[in-house]
Amino acid sequence: MSQAFRFAVLIIIAAGASAAQNAANEVCAGCHDVGKKLAGTAHAPVACATCHQKHEDYPHPANVAKPKCDSCHTEMAADYAKGVHGQAVAKGNQGAPDCATCHGAAHEIKVPTSPTFRSAVPETCGM
């Protein structure tokens, strides 16, 4: 098999997975209005079920824990734990910044490499 053929097969597989993800996300969007919030965010390409497990059951089971950032972002969570903010939380400071303080709520996560995110750093850190 040629390299070009393998690449084409991978593209077709990815497109199929993307279409299935979009269809699954549309089911969620039937009740939950987060699609507009997600558009253009770092989590836009992520399927709802990646973070929201057990939500395929309807009605949704009670007391399902909210997803935590560190379930996917393990390296960043380790860096956070070593940093001043993570250490402040570990010492009981509930007012110390967490992921959402800087990056926004999960459905509105700003892309950290975007100019908008970077230009807001002084204001975000200054609050």
Protein backbone atom coordinates (compact mmCIF):
# COMPACT_ATOMS: atom_id res chain seq x y z
CA MET A 1 0.00 0.00 0.00
CA SER A 2 1.29 3.42 -0.86
CA GLN A 3 1.78 6.15 1.72
CA ALA A 4 -0.83 8.32 -0.04
CA PHE A 5 -3.40 5.50 0.07
CA ARG A 6 -2.81 4.93 3.80
CA PHE A 7 -3.22 8.65 4.42
CA ALA A 8 -6.46 8.72 2.41
CA VAL A 9 -7.83 5.78 4.44
CA LEU A 10 -6.98 7.57 7.69
CA ILE A 11 -8.74 10.72 6.48
CA ILE A 12 -11.87 8.72 5.60
CA ILE A 13 -11.85 6.98 9.00
CA ALA A 14 -11.39 10.32 10.80
CA ALA A 15 -14.21 11.88 8.78
CA GLY A 16 -16.50 8.99 9.71
CA ALA A 17 -15.59 9.31 13.39
CA SER A 18 -16.17 13.06 13.20
CA ALA A 19 -19.59 12.55 11.60
CA ALA A 20 -20.55 10.03 14.31
CA GLN A 21 -19.35 12.45 17.00
CA ASN A 22 -21.36 15.29 15.48
CA ALA A 23 -24.48 13.09 15.36
CA ALA A 24 -24.00 12.10 19.02
CA ASN A 25 -23.47 15.74 20.01
CA GLU A 26 -26.67 16.70 18.16
CA VAL A 27 -28.60 14.32 20.42
CA CYS A 28 -27.22 16.21 23.45
CA ALA A 29 -28.00 19.55 21.80
CA GLY A 30 -31.65 18.50 21.61
CA CYS A 31 -31.92 19.34 25.32
CA HIS A 32 -28.71 21.16 26.22
CA ASP A 33 -27.89 24.55 24.73
CA VAL A 34 -24.09 24.47 24.83
CA GLY A 35 -23.34 24.16 21.12
CA LYS A 36 -23.07 27.91 20.65
CA LYS A 37 -20.83 28.23 23.69
CA LEU A 38 -18.52 25.46 22.45
CA ALA A 39 -18.05 26.84 18.94
CA GLY A 40 -14.53 28.19 18.58
CA THR A 41 -13.32 26.90 21.95
CA ALA A 42 -10.55 24.45 22.74
CA HIS A 43 -13.15 21.76 23.50
CA ALA A 44 -15.19 22.25 20.29
CA PRO A 45 -13.80 19.10 18.64
CA VAL A 46 -14.39 16.92 21.72
CA ALA A 47 -17.45 14.66 21.82
CA CYS A 48 -19.83 15.37 24.71
CA ALA A 49 -19.60 11.75 25.89
CA THR A 50 -15.83 12.08 26.30
CA CYS A 51 -16.35 14.14 29.44
CA HIS A 52 -19.98 13.46 30.29
CA GLN A 53 -20.12 9.72 30.83
CA LYS A 54 -23.34 7.96 31.78
CA HIS A 55 -25.24 10.79 30.12
CA GLU A 56 -26.26 8.50 27.28
CA ASP A 57 -28.78 7.08 29.77
CA TYR A 58 -32.02 9.01 29.84
CA PRO A 59 -33.24 10.24 32.12
CA HIS A 60 -29.72 11.03 33.27
CA PRO A 61 -28.76 9.23 36.47
CA ALA A 62 -28.73 11.35 39.61
CA ASN A 63 -25.50 12.41 41.31
CA VAL A 64 -23.18 11.85 38.33
CA ALA A 65 -19.98 13.67 39.21
CA LYS A 66 -18.99 16.64 37.09
CA PRO A 67 -16.02 15.92 34.84
CA LYS A 68 -12.65 17.08 36.14
CA CYS A 69 -10.03 18.71 33.96
CA ASP A 70 -7.29 16.37 35.19
CA SER A 71 -9.06 13.30 33.77
CA CYS A 72 -7.70 14.33 30.34
CA HIS A 73 -5.16 17.01 31.12
CA THR A 74 -2.87 14.99 33.41
CA GLU A 75 0.38 16.79 32.58
CA MET A 76 -1.17 20.22 33.10
CA ALA A 77 -2.73 19.03 36.37
CA ALA A 78 0.68 17.86 37.59
CA ASP A 79 2.19 21.24 36.67
CA TYR A 80 -0.68 23.02 38.44
CA ALA A 81 -0.20 20.91 41.59
CA LYS A 82 3.50 21.89 41.71
CA GLY A 83 2.77 25.59 41.13
CA VAL A 84 1.79 28.31 43.58
CA HIS A 85 -1.93 28.03 42.87
CA GLY A 86 -2.07 24.25 43.28
CA GLN A 87 -0.02 24.39 46.47
CA ALA A 88 -2.33 27.07 47.86
CA VAL A 89 -5.34 24.82 47.21
CA ALA A 90 -3.51 21.88 48.82
CA LYS A 91 -3.02 24.03 51.94
CA GLY A 92 -6.76 24.70 52.09
CA ASN A 93 -7.00 28.06 50.32
CA GLN A 94 -10.35 27.71 48.56
CA GLY A 95 -9.91 31.15 46.98
CA ALA A 96 -6.83 30.12 45.00
CA PRO A 97 -7.32 30.04 41.22
CA ASP A 98 -8.32 26.77 39.60
CA CYS A 99 -8.46 25.79 35.92
CA ALA A 100 -11.72 27.65 35.27
CA THR A 101 -10.42 30.87 36.83
CA CYS A 102 -7.91 31.34 34.03
CA HIS A 103 -9.31 29.28 31.18
CA GLY A 104 -13.06 29.74 31.65
CA ALA A 105 -15.83 27.22 32.22
CA ALA A 106 -15.45 23.84 30.50
CA HIS A 107 -17.87 24.72 27.69
CA GLU A 108 -16.13 28.07 27.11
CA ILE A 109 -12.45 27.10 27.44
CA LYS A 110 -10.31 29.60 25.62
CA VAL A 111 -7.50 28.32 23.44
CA PRO A 112 -4.37 29.21 25.46
CA THR A 113 -2.31 29.97 22.36
CA SER A 114 -4.88 32.41 20.97
CA PRO A 115 -4.10 36.14 20.98
CA THR A 116 -7.35 36.78 22.90
CA PHE A 117 -6.32 34.49 25.74
CA ARG A 118 -2.78 35.84 25.90
CA SER A 119 -3.82 39.49 25.84
CA ALA A 120 -6.18 38.83 28.79
CA VAL A 121 -3.46 37.34 31.02
CA PRO A 122 -2.59 40.59 32.89
CA GLU A 123 -6.28 41.27 33.61
CA THR A 124 -6.96 37.63 34.60
CA CYS A 125 -3.97 37.45 36.94
CA GLY A 126 -4.74 40.88 38.35
CA MET A 127 -8.18 39.95 39.62
